[in-house]
Amino acid sequence: MIFLPFEINSGAVNMQKDADLLENAIKNKVSEPIFRLYGWSPACVSLGRNQKSDFLDESFLKFNNIDVVRRLTGGRALLHDNEITYSYVCPVSGLNHGENVTESYKEISQIFIDKFKQLGIELEFGGKPARGHFDYCMLVSTGADLCCNGKKLIGSAQCRKEGYILQHGSILYDYDRELIEKIFNESVDTSSVTCVKEISPLISKTDIIELFVTKY
């Protein structure tokens, strides 16, 4: 696996880098998976590829120095702030079940299950099914999301192009519940969402990043 070191960029740069990784993999017929970790500055709301943006208060976001970008991938919006984000690019044929969307999510996400065990954090697939419509991604769980004790910790999204997969997602280190509720105008159910700082306060972002420095 090709590992790209952690770096912090604006939302626009981060999304462009993910798009470039996918395009370059297709162009050069890269067979080895590419794994990237990154952060965001300033904080940024990313919208799913086909998600409407009418719920956002642009003046509020501007006042709080929060950018907005649109992802290549589907799904619902996220606030990228106190988190670590990952992206993973690979050929569909490089996975055991690459043709099956749900199974490919699980196969890629197994990386995090294995690595987080080294920190004493047990992750599992699933979470509480959503009731009603939510714009904030972390309030919506599927069978392919990664949870700790039934609470969603890592939310991921995927797109496919010319036989390649781009999957990227948010590892929630900490979150500002009040800010999220103001941005998305919906209540954050703390019984369905968690973060690393809540699970194990002594684990730092550096601890998580260093898990992936050595070849998986």
Protein backbone atom coordinates (compact mmCIF):
# COMPACT_ATOMS: atom_id res chain seq x y z
CA MET A 1 0.00 0.00 0.00
CA ILE A 2 1.24 3.48 -0.90
CA PHE A 3 0.98 5.70 2.20
CA LEU A 4 0.89 9.48 1.80
CA PRO A 5 1.90 11.40 4.94
CA PHE A 6 -0.58 13.44 6.96
CA GLU A 7 -0.99 17.05 5.89
CA ILE A 8 -3.40 19.90 6.59
CA ASN A 9 -5.03 21.82 3.73
CA SER A 10 -8.11 23.85 2.90
CA GLY A 11 -11.24 21.97 1.94
CA ALA A 12 -10.86 22.84 -1.74
CA VAL A 13 -7.27 21.57 -1.81
CA ASN A 14 -8.16 18.37 0.05
CA MET A 15 -10.97 17.51 -2.35
CA GLN A 16 -8.79 18.32 -5.36
CA LYS A 17 -6.04 16.06 -4.04
CA ASP A 18 -8.49 13.18 -3.64
CA ALA A 19 -9.81 13.77 -7.16
CA ASP A 20 -6.26 13.87 -8.53
CA LEU A 21 -5.34 10.62 -6.77
CA LEU A 22 -8.30 8.90 -8.39
CA GLU A 23 -7.59 10.33 -11.86
CA ASN A 24 -3.88 9.51 -11.68
CA ALA A 25 -4.62 5.96 -10.54
CA ILE A 26 -6.93 5.49 -13.52
CA LYS A 27 -4.50 7.09 -15.98
CA ASN A 28 -1.50 5.09 -14.78
CA LYS A 29 -3.43 1.89 -14.06
CA VAL A 30 -2.11 1.82 -10.51
CA SER A 31 -2.63 -1.59 -8.93
CA GLU A 32 -1.40 -0.83 -5.40
CA PRO A 33 -3.88 0.88 -3.00
CA ILE A 34 -3.15 4.50 -2.11
CA PHE A 35 -3.89 5.66 1.44
CA ARG A 36 -3.85 9.30 2.53
CA LEU A 37 -4.49 11.02 5.86
CA TYR A 38 -5.26 14.71 6.15
CA GLY A 39 -6.71 17.54 8.20
CA TRP A 40 -8.58 20.74 7.40
CA SER A 41 -7.83 24.43 7.93
CA PRO A 42 -10.04 26.33 8.15
CA ALA A 43 -12.93 24.13 9.27
CA CYS A 44 -15.09 23.10 6.35
CA VAL A 45 -18.50 21.66 5.55
CA SER A 46 -18.37 19.08 2.76
CA LEU A 47 -21.54 18.30 0.87
CA GLY A 48 -22.32 14.99 -0.78
CA ARG A 49 -22.17 14.96 -4.58
CA ASN A 50 -25.94 15.32 -5.05
CA GLN A 51 -26.88 16.89 -1.72
CA LYS A 52 -28.78 20.17 -1.67
CA SER A 53 -27.14 23.05 0.18
CA ASP A 54 -30.28 25.07 1.01
CA PHE A 55 -30.08 24.17 4.71
CA LEU A 56 -26.80 26.05 5.12
CA ASP A 57 -26.68 29.61 6.47
CA GLU A 58 -23.88 31.08 4.37
CA SER A 59 -23.59 34.23 6.49
CA PHE A 60 -23.19 32.13 9.67
CA LEU A 61 -20.49 30.01 8.03
CA LYS A 62 -18.63 33.07 6.75
CA PHE A 63 -18.79 34.76 10.14
CA ASN A 64 -17.30 31.64 11.75
CA ASN A 65 -14.65 31.17 9.03
CA ILE A 66 -16.06 27.84 7.85
CA ASP A 67 -15.58 26.88 4.21
CA VAL A 68 -17.94 24.81 2.05
CA VAL A 69 -16.90 22.26 -0.59
CA ARG A 70 -18.65 19.56 -2.57
CA ARG A 71 -17.28 16.02 -2.58
CA LEU A 72 -16.93 13.60 -5.47
CA THR A 73 -18.63 11.05 -3.26
CA GLY A 74 -22.26 10.76 -2.26
CA GLY A 75 -23.76 10.81 1.20
CA ARG A 76 -24.64 13.70 3.47
CA ALA A 77 -22.77 16.69 4.80
CA LEU A 78 -20.00 16.71 7.37
CA LEU A 79 -18.29 19.41 9.40
CA HIS A 80 -14.57 18.74 9.06
CA ASP A 81 -12.94 20.34 12.07
CA ASN A 82 -11.36 18.40 14.92
CA GLU A 83 -10.89 15.15 13.04
CA ILE A 84 -8.56 13.04 10.91
CA THR A 85 -9.77 12.34 7.39
CA TYR A 86 -8.64 9.48 5.20
CA SER A 87 -8.86 8.63 1.53
CA TYR A 88 -8.26 5.25 -0.09
CA VAL A 89 -7.96 4.67 -3.83
CA CYS A 90 -7.76 1.23 -5.37
CA PRO A 91 -8.90 -0.75 -8.41
CA VAL A 92 -12.19 -2.60 -7.98
CA SER A 93 -10.31 -5.77 -8.91
CA GLY A 94 -7.89 -5.20 -6.03
CA LEU A 95 -10.55 -6.11 -3.47
CA ASN A 96 -11.99 -9.53 -2.78
CA HIS A 97 -15.53 -8.15 -3.12
CA GLY A 98 -14.91 -4.95 -5.05
CA GLU A 99 -18.01 -5.22 -7.21
CA ASN A 100 -20.27 -5.21 -4.14
CA VAL A 101 -20.51 -1.68 -2.72
CA THR A 102 -21.33 -2.64 0.88
CA GLU A 103 -18.75 -5.41 1.01
CA SER A 104 -16.08 -3.15 -0.49
CA TYR A 105 -16.77 -0.56 2.23
CA LYS A 106 -16.30 -3.25 4.85
CA GLU A 107 -13.15 -4.61 3.25
CA ILE A 108 -11.49 -1.19 3.16
CA SER A 109 -12.76 -0.28 6.63
CA GLN A 110 -11.22 -3.42 8.10
CA ILE A 111 -7.98 -1.44 8.06
CA PHE A 112 -9.36 0.78 10.82
CA ILE A 113 -10.74 -2.10 12.87
CA ASP A 114 -7.30 -3.71 12.89
CA LYS A 115 -5.37 -0.52 13.59
CA PHE A 116 -7.64 0.87 16.31
CA LYS A 117 -7.30 -2.41 18.22
CA GLN A 118 -3.70 -1.36 18.79
CA LEU A 119 -5.06 1.64 20.72
CA GLY A 120 -7.43 -0.54 22.71
CA ILE A 121 -10.48 0.65 20.77
CA GLU A 122 -12.82 -2.05 19.46
CA LEU A 123 -14.73 -1.02 16.35
CA GLU A 124 -17.65 -2.80 14.73
CA PHE A 125 -19.88 -2.29 11.72
CA GLY A 126 -23.38 -0.93 12.18
CA GLY A 127 -24.92 1.61 14.49
CA LYS A 128 -28.41 2.92 15.14
CA PRO A 129 -30.55 3.26 11.99
CA ALA A 130 -31.70 6.82 11.37
CA ARG A 131 -35.34 7.78 11.86
CA GLY A 132 -36.34 10.67 9.63
CA HIS A 133 -34.20 12.87 7.41
CA PHE A 134 -30.87 14.27 8.56
CA ASP A 135 -28.40 16.48 6.69
CA TYR A 136 -25.49 15.72 9.06
CA CYS A 137 -23.80 12.48 8.01
CA MET A 138 -22.76 11.31 11.47
CA LEU A 139 -26.42 11.03 12.51
CA VAL A 140 -27.04 8.46 9.77
CA SER A 141 -25.67 4.94 10.18
CA THR A 142 -25.49 2.07 7.73
CA GLY A 143 -24.23 -1.46 8.05
CA ALA A 144 -20.87 -0.34 6.62
CA ASP A 145 -20.19 2.47 9.12
CA LEU A 146 -17.67 1.97 11.92
CA CYS A 147 -18.93 2.32 15.47
CA CYS A 148 -17.68 1.91 19.00
CA ASN A 149 -20.18 0.56 21.51
CA GLY A 150 -22.97 1.19 19.02
CA LYS A 151 -22.02 4.84 18.40
CA LYS A 152 -20.76 6.03 15.03
CA LEU A 153 -17.10 7.05 15.02
CA ILE A 154 -16.05 6.87 11.36
CA GLY A 155 -18.31 7.93 8.52
CA SER A 156 -17.27 7.10 4.96
CA ALA A 157 -18.39 7.76 1.41
CA GLN A 158 -17.42 6.26 -1.92
CA CYS A 159 -17.38 6.93 -5.64
CA ARG A 160 -16.38 4.73 -8.57
CA LYS A 161 -14.92 5.58 -11.94
CA GLU A 162 -13.51 3.44 -14.73
CA GLY A 163 -12.89 0.42 -12.54
CA TYR A 164 -11.45 2.35 -9.57
CA ILE A 165 -12.80 3.21 -6.13
CA LEU A 166 -12.26 6.36 -4.11
CA GLN A 167 -13.39 5.93 -0.52
CA HIS A 168 -12.81 8.67 1.99
CA GLY A 169 -14.11 9.33 5.44
CA SER A 170 -14.01 11.19 8.72
CA ILE A 171 -12.46 9.83 11.92
CA LEU A 172 -14.07 12.00 14.57
CA TYR A 173 -11.45 12.99 17.14
CA ASP A 174 -13.65 15.52 18.93
CA TYR A 175 -16.67 17.62 18.01
CA ASP A 176 -18.44 20.82 18.97
CA ARG A 177 -22.03 19.72 19.44
CA GLU A 178 -23.41 23.27 19.69
CA LEU A 179 -21.67 24.37 16.49
CA ILE A 180 -22.87 21.31 14.57
CA GLU A 181 -26.45 21.88 15.70
CA LYS A 182 -26.29 25.50 14.55
CA ILE A 183 -24.86 24.58 11.15
CA PHE A 184 -27.24 21.71 10.41
CA ASN A 185 -30.23 23.00 12.34
CA GLU A 186 -30.83 19.60 13.90
CA SER A 187 -30.20 18.03 17.28
CA VAL A 188 -27.10 15.85 17.67
CA ASP A 189 -28.08 12.61 19.39
CA THR A 190 -25.07 11.81 21.58
CA SER A 191 -26.35 8.26 21.99
CA SER A 192 -25.57 7.60 18.32
CA VAL A 193 -22.33 9.60 17.79
CA THR A 194 -18.99 9.34 19.55
CA CYS A 195 -15.40 10.54 19.13
CA VAL A 196 -11.92 9.35 20.04
CA LYS A 197 -11.58 11.90 22.84
CA GLU A 198 -14.76 10.59 24.43
CA ILE A 199 -13.70 6.95 24.11
CA SER A 200 -10.13 7.40 25.33
CA PRO A 201 -9.09 10.96 26.28
CA LEU A 202 -5.37 10.11 26.49
CA ILE A 203 -5.14 9.16 22.81
CA SER A 204 -3.83 12.02 20.68
CA LYS A 205 -4.25 12.69 16.98
CA THR A 206 -0.56 11.91 16.59
CA ASP A 207 -1.14 8.49 18.14
CA ILE A 208 -3.75 7.75 15.47
CA ILE A 209 -1.67 9.07 12.60
CA GLU A 210 1.35 7.04 13.66
CA LEU A 211 -0.73 3.85 13.48
CA PHE A 212 -0.61 4.14 9.70
CA VAL A 213 2.99 5.25 9.22
CA THR A 214 4.19 1.66 9.03
CA LYS A 215 2.99 -0.37 6.07
CA TYR A 216 -0.39 -2.00 6.69
